[in-house]
Amino acid sequence: MRLAERMSRIRTEGAFEVLSRARALEAQGRNIIHLEIGEPDFRTPANIVEAGQRALAEGWTRYGPTQGLPELRQAIADSLWRTHGLDYGIEHVCITPGAKPILFFVLLALLEPGDEVIYPDPGFPIYASMIDFLGGAGVPVPLVEERGFSFDLNVFRRKLSTQTKLVILNSPQNPTGGVIPADDVRAMAALLRSRDVMVLSDEIYSRIWFDEPPLSIGTLPGMRENTVILDGFSKTYAMTGWRLGYGVMPPWLADAVNTLMVNSNSCTASFTQRAGIEALCGAQDAVTNMVAEFRRRRDQFCAALNEIPGIRCTLPQGAFYAFPNITGTGWKSKPLADALLEKAGVAALSGTAFGTFGEGYLRFSTANSLEHLLEAVRRIRAFLASEPPPA
């Protein structure tokens, strides 16, 4: 037997591959600084853990509604009213085990073979993987360092066609930490609102920003019914292992997502959803403190990277990543990322793990202590000073 042909079009995620290699080196006794995985290094806030424990004790361990508990869906709708000024009902909200299923289900529900999907490059690698897997035609639009890693709007305009079915936006963005300027979001909405095009707005880092707050395209006139908002609890509330995400979308699309959900996962674990209600409705001090710490790390880590000859690092405006330009070192991205892991004990990702236009960059996660981040900079500086780039 052979695997189906479509399996040749699906890819893995580079962060987990590098994490596996790094752990193998640690098993050999090597000291590795982990800057590869996009996972907050903070504990889930105590009030959320207690809510999850209480839910287990109360028996929230049985099947729940496929679309999600009504109480959590209402809490999400209320949260979007507070943060976005959007008046959604619970019929717009779909709960899934993590946010990735929303990406997968929405694309699965919308795309016919050959439909074009515009997405950011460098960008979250699962975008391109799912588009290819489903037979869509991916249309990568480069993010421009000089524009804070936003789109060149002229390129975006040229890439739109009669075959465009979906546009994926991500702000704050993985891997660059860029936040799309509000004027750019408005310009894209002006180009899209008269077209028969859906927008998937990946807002998984929506609470982790440092200067200009991200503007959701779904809040702009004429865009609400054409926008899917993807979000979840993993990043904001340090709940990666809880597997709790959601999408907010027009009811006709929610019905399709629910059908896919019942055919794959049945439902999302009820006790994690009860914890999600506490996350949204309870004290937010832990989130505020986490974002403040990410800002402190960003400031010092990026300043230290900019002191290394051959490296320049644009100050990221959100998320918990740094995406320095390493072209001045003479190294290509993948060889340098591999060498830093093997020889310097610093686990980072090549920019090319996020698309063709990621060449010339590395991605570092700042989800590690400031002490380890600055030690990583010391190791990188020492490695580059002693190891010339390959011929």
Protein backbone atom coordinates (compact mmCIF):
# COMPACT_ATOMS: atom_id res chain seq x y z
CA MET A 1 0.00 0.00 0.00
CA ARG A 2 1.01 3.58 -0.65
CA LEU A 3 -0.04 6.77 1.05
CA ALA A 4 -2.48 8.93 -0.85
CA GLU A 5 -0.82 11.41 -3.20
CA ARG A 6 -2.08 14.37 -1.19
CA MET A 7 0.16 13.33 1.69
CA SER A 8 3.13 14.42 -0.41
CA ARG A 9 1.75 17.97 -0.26
CA ILE A 10 1.54 18.30 3.51
CA ARG A 11 4.48 19.45 5.59
CA THR A 12 5.54 19.50 9.20
CA GLU A 13 6.37 22.49 11.39
CA GLY A 14 10.04 23.42 11.66
CA ALA A 15 9.87 24.47 15.30
CA PHE A 16 8.97 20.95 16.42
CA GLU A 17 11.68 19.41 14.23
CA VAL A 18 14.38 21.66 15.72
CA LEU A 19 13.02 21.05 19.22
CA SER A 20 13.43 17.31 18.67
CA ARG A 21 17.02 17.76 17.48
CA ALA A 22 17.80 20.04 20.41
CA ARG A 23 16.46 17.53 22.91
CA ALA A 24 18.53 14.78 21.31
CA LEU A 25 21.64 16.91 21.86
CA GLU A 26 20.62 17.52 25.47
CA ALA A 27 20.31 13.77 25.95
CA GLN A 28 23.99 13.59 24.97
CA GLY A 29 24.86 16.05 27.74
CA ARG A 30 24.90 19.26 25.67
CA ASN A 31 23.64 22.54 27.12
CA ILE A 32 21.06 24.02 24.73
CA ILE A 33 19.31 27.38 24.96
CA HIS A 34 15.82 26.88 23.54
CA LEU A 35 14.78 29.81 21.38
CA GLU A 36 13.03 27.70 18.74
CA ILE A 37 9.58 26.91 20.08
CA GLY A 38 6.75 29.46 20.17
CA GLU A 39 5.47 28.64 23.62
CA PRO A 40 5.23 31.03 26.58
CA ASP A 41 7.58 29.96 29.35
CA PHE A 42 5.12 31.12 32.02
CA ARG A 43 2.85 28.84 34.00
CA THR A 44 -0.86 28.89 33.28
CA PRO A 45 -2.32 31.45 35.73
CA ALA A 46 -3.42 29.89 39.01
CA ASN A 47 -7.07 30.96 38.72
CA ILE A 48 -7.35 29.17 35.37
CA VAL A 49 -5.71 26.00 36.71
CA GLU A 50 -8.06 26.05 39.68
CA ALA A 51 -11.06 26.43 37.35
CA GLY A 52 -9.89 23.42 35.34
CA GLN A 53 -9.38 21.36 38.49
CA ARG A 54 -12.79 22.37 39.78
CA ALA A 55 -14.38 21.40 36.47
CA LEU A 56 -12.80 17.95 36.68
CA ALA A 57 -14.03 17.50 40.23
CA GLU A 58 -17.53 18.61 39.21
CA GLY A 59 -17.67 16.04 36.42
CA TRP A 60 -17.08 18.13 33.28
CA THR A 61 -15.54 15.05 31.66
CA ARG A 62 -18.28 13.97 29.26
CA TYR A 63 -19.09 14.86 25.69
CA GLY A 64 -20.14 18.44 25.16
CA PRO A 65 -21.75 20.29 22.25
CA THR A 66 -19.75 20.05 19.02
CA GLN A 67 -19.77 23.83 18.61
CA GLY A 68 -18.60 24.34 22.18
CA LEU A 69 -20.18 25.11 25.54
CA PRO A 70 -22.69 27.98 25.19
CA GLU A 71 -21.19 29.69 28.25
CA LEU A 72 -17.73 29.83 26.68
CA ARG A 73 -19.09 30.93 23.32
CA GLN A 74 -20.95 33.75 25.09
CA ALA A 75 -17.79 34.73 26.99
CA ILE A 76 -15.92 34.94 23.67
CA ALA A 77 -18.70 37.02 22.09
CA ASP A 78 -18.64 39.35 25.11
CA SER A 79 -14.85 39.62 24.89
CA LEU A 80 -15.01 40.57 21.20
CA TRP A 81 -17.54 43.28 22.03
CA ARG A 82 -15.10 44.71 24.62
CA THR A 83 -11.98 44.44 22.47
CA HIS A 84 -13.31 44.88 18.90
CA GLY A 85 -16.69 46.56 19.30
CA LEU A 86 -18.20 43.65 17.33
CA ASP A 87 -21.66 42.39 18.24
CA TYR A 88 -21.53 38.62 17.72
CA GLY A 89 -23.95 35.98 18.93
CA ILE A 90 -22.92 32.53 20.10
CA GLU A 91 -23.99 31.12 16.72
CA HIS A 92 -20.91 32.82 15.22
CA VAL A 93 -18.44 31.09 17.58
CA CYS A 94 -16.89 27.63 17.08
CA ILE A 95 -14.69 26.07 19.78
CA THR A 96 -11.96 23.65 18.71
CA PRO A 97 -9.09 21.75 20.42
CA GLY A 98 -6.49 24.40 19.64
CA ALA A 99 -6.63 27.11 16.98
CA LYS A 100 -5.08 25.10 14.12
CA PRO A 101 -8.33 23.19 13.46
CA ILE A 102 -10.04 26.50 12.66
CA LEU A 103 -7.41 27.15 10.00
CA PHE A 104 -7.78 23.64 8.61
CA PHE A 105 -11.59 23.49 8.73
CA VAL A 106 -12.13 26.94 7.21
CA LEU A 107 -9.81 26.17 4.29
CA LEU A 108 -11.36 22.72 3.88
CA ALA A 109 -14.84 24.24 3.80
CA LEU A 110 -14.00 27.04 1.35
CA LEU A 111 -11.37 25.92 -1.14
CA GLU A 112 -11.92 24.21 -4.47
CA PRO A 113 -8.86 22.92 -6.36
CA GLY A 114 -7.08 25.84 -7.96
CA ASP A 115 -8.63 28.55 -5.78
CA GLU A 116 -6.04 31.17 -4.91
CA VAL A 117 -5.14 32.05 -1.32
CA ILE A 118 -3.02 35.08 -0.53
CA TYR A 119 -0.88 34.60 2.57
CA PRO A 120 2.15 36.29 4.19
CA ASP A 121 5.70 35.12 3.49
CA PRO A 122 7.52 34.69 5.80
CA GLY A 123 4.50 33.35 7.66
CA PHE A 124 3.22 30.56 9.86
CA PRO A 125 4.20 27.46 7.82
CA ILE A 126 0.86 25.69 8.28
CA TYR A 127 -0.79 28.26 6.01
CA ALA A 128 1.11 27.07 2.94
CA SER A 129 0.96 23.44 4.05
CA MET A 130 -2.84 23.40 4.28
CA ILE A 131 -3.32 25.33 1.03
CA ASP A 132 -1.14 22.85 -0.85
CA PHE A 133 -2.70 19.83 0.84
CA LEU A 134 -6.18 20.91 -0.23
CA GLY A 135 -5.16 21.60 -3.83
CA GLY A 136 -5.39 25.36 -3.57
CA ALA A 137 -3.03 27.75 -5.28
CA GLY A 138 -0.94 29.56 -2.70
CA VAL A 139 -0.03 33.16 -3.52
CA PRO A 140 2.70 34.29 -1.11
CA VAL A 141 3.07 38.04 -0.63
CA PRO A 142 6.41 39.10 0.86
CA LEU A 143 6.56 40.98 4.13
CA VAL A 144 8.86 43.98 3.90
CA GLU A 145 11.38 44.60 6.67
CA GLU A 146 11.51 48.32 5.92
CA ARG A 147 7.74 48.51 6.52
CA GLY A 148 7.91 46.76 9.88
CA PHE A 149 7.24 43.45 8.13
CA SER A 150 3.94 44.55 6.63
CA PHE A 151 2.83 43.91 3.05
CA ASP A 152 3.89 46.11 0.15
CA LEU A 153 0.37 47.23 -0.71
CA ASN A 154 1.21 47.59 -4.41
CA VAL A 155 2.28 43.93 -4.50
CA PHE A 156 -0.84 42.94 -2.54
CA ARG A 157 -3.02 44.78 -5.07
CA ARG A 158 -1.30 43.08 -8.02
CA LYS A 159 -1.68 39.62 -6.47
CA LEU A 160 -5.46 39.94 -6.14
CA SER A 161 -7.25 38.23 -9.01
CA THR A 162 -10.63 36.84 -10.00
CA GLN A 163 -9.38 33.49 -8.65
CA THR A 164 -8.65 34.85 -5.15
CA LYS A 165 -10.90 33.01 -2.70
CA LEU A 166 -9.22 33.77 0.61
CA VAL A 167 -6.73 36.21 2.13
CA ILE A 168 -4.86 35.24 5.31
CA LEU A 169 -3.69 38.03 7.61
CA ASN A 170 -1.70 37.61 10.81
CA SER A 171 -1.10 40.54 13.17
CA PRO A 172 0.84 40.48 15.46
CA GLN A 173 2.73 38.13 13.24
CA ASN A 174 4.69 34.92 13.52
CA PRO A 175 7.66 34.83 12.78
CA THR A 176 8.49 38.54 12.50
CA GLY A 177 6.64 40.07 15.45
CA GLY A 178 5.28 42.67 13.03
CA VAL A 179 1.97 44.46 13.53
CA ILE A 180 0.20 45.53 10.35
CA PRO A 181 -0.24 49.33 10.56
CA ALA A 182 -3.87 50.40 10.88
CA ASP A 183 -3.71 52.41 7.64
CA ASP A 184 -2.52 49.29 5.78
CA VAL A 185 -5.43 47.25 7.20
CA ARG A 186 -7.84 49.96 6.04
CA ALA A 187 -6.26 49.99 2.58
CA MET A 188 -6.59 46.21 2.27
CA ALA A 189 -10.22 46.37 3.39
CA ALA A 190 -10.89 48.96 0.69
CA LEU A 191 -9.45 46.55 -1.90
CA LEU A 192 -11.40 43.55 -0.60
CA ARG A 193 -14.85 44.70 0.48
CA SER A 194 -16.25 44.78 -3.06
CA ARG A 195 -14.88 41.33 -3.91
CA ASP A 196 -16.27 37.87 -3.24
CA VAL A 197 -13.30 37.06 -1.00
CA MET A 198 -13.11 35.77 2.58
CA VAL A 199 -10.43 36.93 5.03
CA LEU A 200 -8.96 34.67 7.69
CA SER A 201 -7.62 37.01 10.35
CA ASP A 202 -5.20 35.05 12.54
CA GLU A 203 -5.26 36.98 15.82
CA ILE A 204 -3.68 34.37 18.10
CA TYR A 205 -1.22 37.02 19.41
CA SER A 206 -3.85 39.79 19.63
CA ARG A 207 -3.18 40.54 23.32
CA ILE A 208 0.61 40.52 23.00
CA TRP A 209 1.56 43.88 21.52
CA PHE A 210 3.87 46.67 22.67
CA ASP A 211 3.19 49.96 20.89
CA GLU A 212 0.43 50.25 18.26
CA PRO A 213 -2.53 47.96 19.01
CA PRO A 214 -3.39 45.66 16.12
CA LEU A 215 -6.48 46.57 14.11
CA SER A 216 -8.74 43.67 13.20
CA ILE A 217 -9.96 43.93 9.61
CA GLY A 218 -13.30 42.47 10.72
CA THR A 219 -14.08 45.70 12.58
CA LEU A 220 -14.04 47.80 9.41
CA PRO A 221 -17.17 48.69 7.43
CA GLY A 222 -18.32 45.94 5.08
CA MET A 223 -15.82 43.35 6.36
CA ARG A 224 -17.58 41.62 9.28
CA GLU A 225 -19.49 39.09 7.17
CA ASN A 226 -16.43 38.31 5.06
CA THR A 227 -14.01 37.76 7.96
CA VAL A 228 -13.10 34.77 10.10
CA ILE A 229 -11.34 35.72 13.34
CA LEU A 230 -9.04 32.93 14.56
CA ASP A 231 -7.87 33.09 18.16
CA GLY A 232 -7.23 30.89 21.15
CA PHE A 233 -5.87 30.61 24.66
CA SER A 234 -2.41 29.12 24.09
CA LYS A 235 -0.36 32.29 23.74
CA THR A 236 -2.25 34.89 25.79
CA TYR A 237 -2.89 32.64 28.79
CA ALA A 238 0.11 30.27 28.53
CA MET A 239 -2.28 27.36 27.87
CA THR A 240 -0.53 25.59 24.98
CA GLY A 241 -1.12 22.10 26.39
CA TRP A 242 -4.78 22.74 27.20
CA ARG A 243 -5.63 22.72 23.46
CA LEU A 244 -8.31 25.37 23.33
CA GLY A 245 -8.98 27.64 20.36
CA TYR A 246 -11.87 29.23 18.54
CA GLY A 247 -13.06 30.86 15.36
CA VAL A 248 -15.65 33.59 14.91
CA MET A 249 -17.36 33.60 11.52
CA PRO A 250 -20.65 33.94 9.65
CA PRO A 251 -23.17 31.28 10.71
CA TRP A 252 -23.24 29.62 7.26
CA LEU A 253 -19.53 28.92 7.60
CA ALA A 254 -19.84 27.97 11.28
CA ASP A 255 -22.30 25.26 10.23
CA ALA A 256 -19.71 23.80 7.85
CA VAL A 257 -16.95 23.98 10.47
CA ASN A 258 -19.20 22.22 12.99
CA THR A 259 -19.86 19.43 10.48
CA LEU A 260 -16.13 18.95 10.01
CA MET A 261 -15.63 19.11 13.76
CA VAL A 262 -18.18 16.38 14.51
CA ASN A 263 -16.57 14.17 11.87
CA SER A 264 -13.09 14.57 13.36
CA ASN A 265 -12.99 15.53 17.05
CA SER A 266 -16.66 15.26 18.15
CA CYS A 267 -16.12 18.08 20.65
CA THR A 268 -13.51 19.98 22.64
CA ALA A 269 -12.81 18.76 26.19
CA SER A 270 -15.42 20.29 28.49
CA PHE A 271 -13.13 20.88 31.49
CA THR A 272 -10.69 22.90 29.36
CA GLN A 273 -13.61 25.02 28.17
CA ARG A 274 -14.61 25.72 31.76
CA ALA A 275 -11.05 26.89 32.36
CA GLY A 276 -11.36 29.06 29.24
CA ILE A 277 -14.37 30.84 30.74
CA GLU A 278 -12.27 31.74 33.78
CA ALA A 279 -9.43 32.88 31.52
CA LEU A 280 -11.66 35.39 29.74
CA CYS A 281 -13.82 36.46 32.68
CA GLY A 282 -11.34 36.29 35.56
CA ALA A 283 -8.46 38.57 36.58
CA GLN A 284 -6.16 39.62 33.73
CA ASP A 285 -3.15 40.62 35.84
CA ALA A 286 -1.12 37.60 34.74
CA VAL A 287 -1.55 38.57 31.08
CA THR A 288 -0.52 42.16 31.76
CA ASN A 289 2.58 41.02 33.64
CA MET A 290 3.54 38.48 30.95
CA VAL A 291 3.31 41.10 28.18
CA ALA A 292 5.40 43.51 30.25
CA GLU A 293 8.08 40.84 30.65
CA PHE A 294 8.03 40.06 26.93
CA ARG A 295 8.56 43.77 26.27
CA ARG A 296 11.54 43.88 28.65
CA ARG A 297 13.10 40.84 26.97
CA ARG A 298 12.42 42.24 23.50
CA ASP A 299 14.13 45.54 24.30
CA GLN A 300 17.30 44.02 25.75
CA PHE A 301 17.58 41.01 23.42
CA CYS A 302 17.13 43.02 20.23
CA ALA A 303 19.53 45.71 21.44
CA ALA A 304 22.13 43.02 22.13
CA LEU A 305 21.58 41.37 18.72
CA ASN A 306 22.10 44.74 17.03
CA GLU A 307 25.57 44.96 18.59
CA ILE A 308 26.72 41.80 16.77
CA PRO A 309 28.60 42.67 13.54
CA GLY A 310 26.58 41.66 10.49
CA ILE A 311 23.22 41.44 12.29
CA ARG A 312 20.43 43.99 12.38
CA CYS A 313 17.18 43.41 14.19
CA THR A 314 14.03 45.45 13.63
CA LEU A 315 12.22 45.97 16.91
CA PRO A 316 9.19 43.65 16.85
CA GLN A 317 5.88 45.28 17.73
CA GLY A 318 4.12 42.20 19.08
CA ALA A 319 4.16 38.45 19.81
CA PHE A 320 7.32 37.04 21.41
CA TYR A 321 9.74 36.67 18.51
CA ALA A 322 12.76 38.47 17.10
CA PHE A 323 13.48 38.17 13.39
CA PRO A 324 16.97 39.57 12.78
CA ASN A 325 18.46 40.11 9.34
CA ILE A 326 21.70 38.09 9.16
CA THR A 327 22.75 38.84 5.56
CA GLY A 328 25.65 40.96 6.79
CA THR A 329 27.27 37.88 8.36
CA GLY A 330 27.70 36.17 4.98
CA TRP A 331 25.74 33.13 6.17
CA LYS A 332 22.58 31.71 4.63
CA SER A 333 19.71 31.17 7.03
CA LYS A 334 19.50 27.36 7.23
CA PRO A 335 23.26 26.69 7.52
CA LEU A 336 23.57 29.32 10.24
CA ALA A 337 20.60 28.00 12.23
CA ASP A 338 22.01 24.46 12.00
CA ALA A 339 25.49 25.57 13.00
CA LEU A 340 24.26 27.60 15.97
CA LEU A 341 22.44 24.53 17.28
CA GLU A 342 25.27 22.06 16.70
CA LYS A 343 28.25 24.22 17.63
CA ALA A 344 26.95 27.02 19.86
CA GLY A 345 24.07 25.32 21.63
CA VAL A 346 21.49 27.90 20.53
CA ALA A 347 18.28 26.49 19.05
CA ALA A 348 16.76 28.92 16.56
CA LEU A 349 14.80 28.62 13.33
CA SER A 350 15.88 29.48 9.82
CA GLY A 351 13.80 32.19 8.24
CA THR A 352 13.22 29.81 5.34
CA ALA A 353 11.18 27.59 7.68
CA PHE A 354 8.53 30.28 7.18
CA GLY A 355 8.75 30.67 3.40
CA THR A 356 11.06 31.59 0.56
CA PHE A 357 11.18 35.25 1.54
CA GLY A 358 12.53 34.29 4.96
CA GLU A 359 16.00 33.79 3.48
CA GLY A 360 18.46 36.11 5.20
CA TYR A 361 16.73 35.92 8.59
CA LEU A 362 16.58 33.81 11.74
CA ARG A 363 13.68 33.53 14.15
CA PHE A 364 14.31 33.57 17.88
CA SER A 365 11.56 33.04 20.43
CA THR A 366 11.90 35.29 23.46
CA ALA A 367 9.90 32.80 25.53
CA ASN A 368 12.92 32.15 27.72
CA SER A 369 14.52 34.00 30.61
CA LEU A 370 16.40 37.22 29.95
CA GLU A 371 19.51 35.56 31.41
CA HIS A 372 19.32 32.79 28.79
CA LEU A 373 18.52 35.24 25.99
CA LEU A 374 21.61 37.31 26.73
CA GLU A 375 23.73 34.17 27.06
CA ALA A 376 22.45 33.12 23.63
CA VAL A 377 23.63 36.46 22.20
CA ARG A 378 27.06 35.90 23.76
CA ARG A 379 27.29 32.45 22.16
CA ILE A 380 26.13 33.76 18.77
CA ARG A 381 28.67 36.57 18.84
CA ALA A 382 31.49 34.17 19.77
CA PHE A 383 30.46 31.67 17.07
CA LEU A 384 30.31 34.28 14.29
CA ALA A 385 33.69 35.69 15.36
CA SER A 386 35.33 32.26 15.14
CA GLU A 387 33.51 30.54 12.26
CA PRO A 388 33.61 32.01 8.75
CA PRO A 389 30.58 31.32 6.54
CA PRO A 390 30.90 28.31 4.25
CA ALA A 391 32.31 29.05 0.82
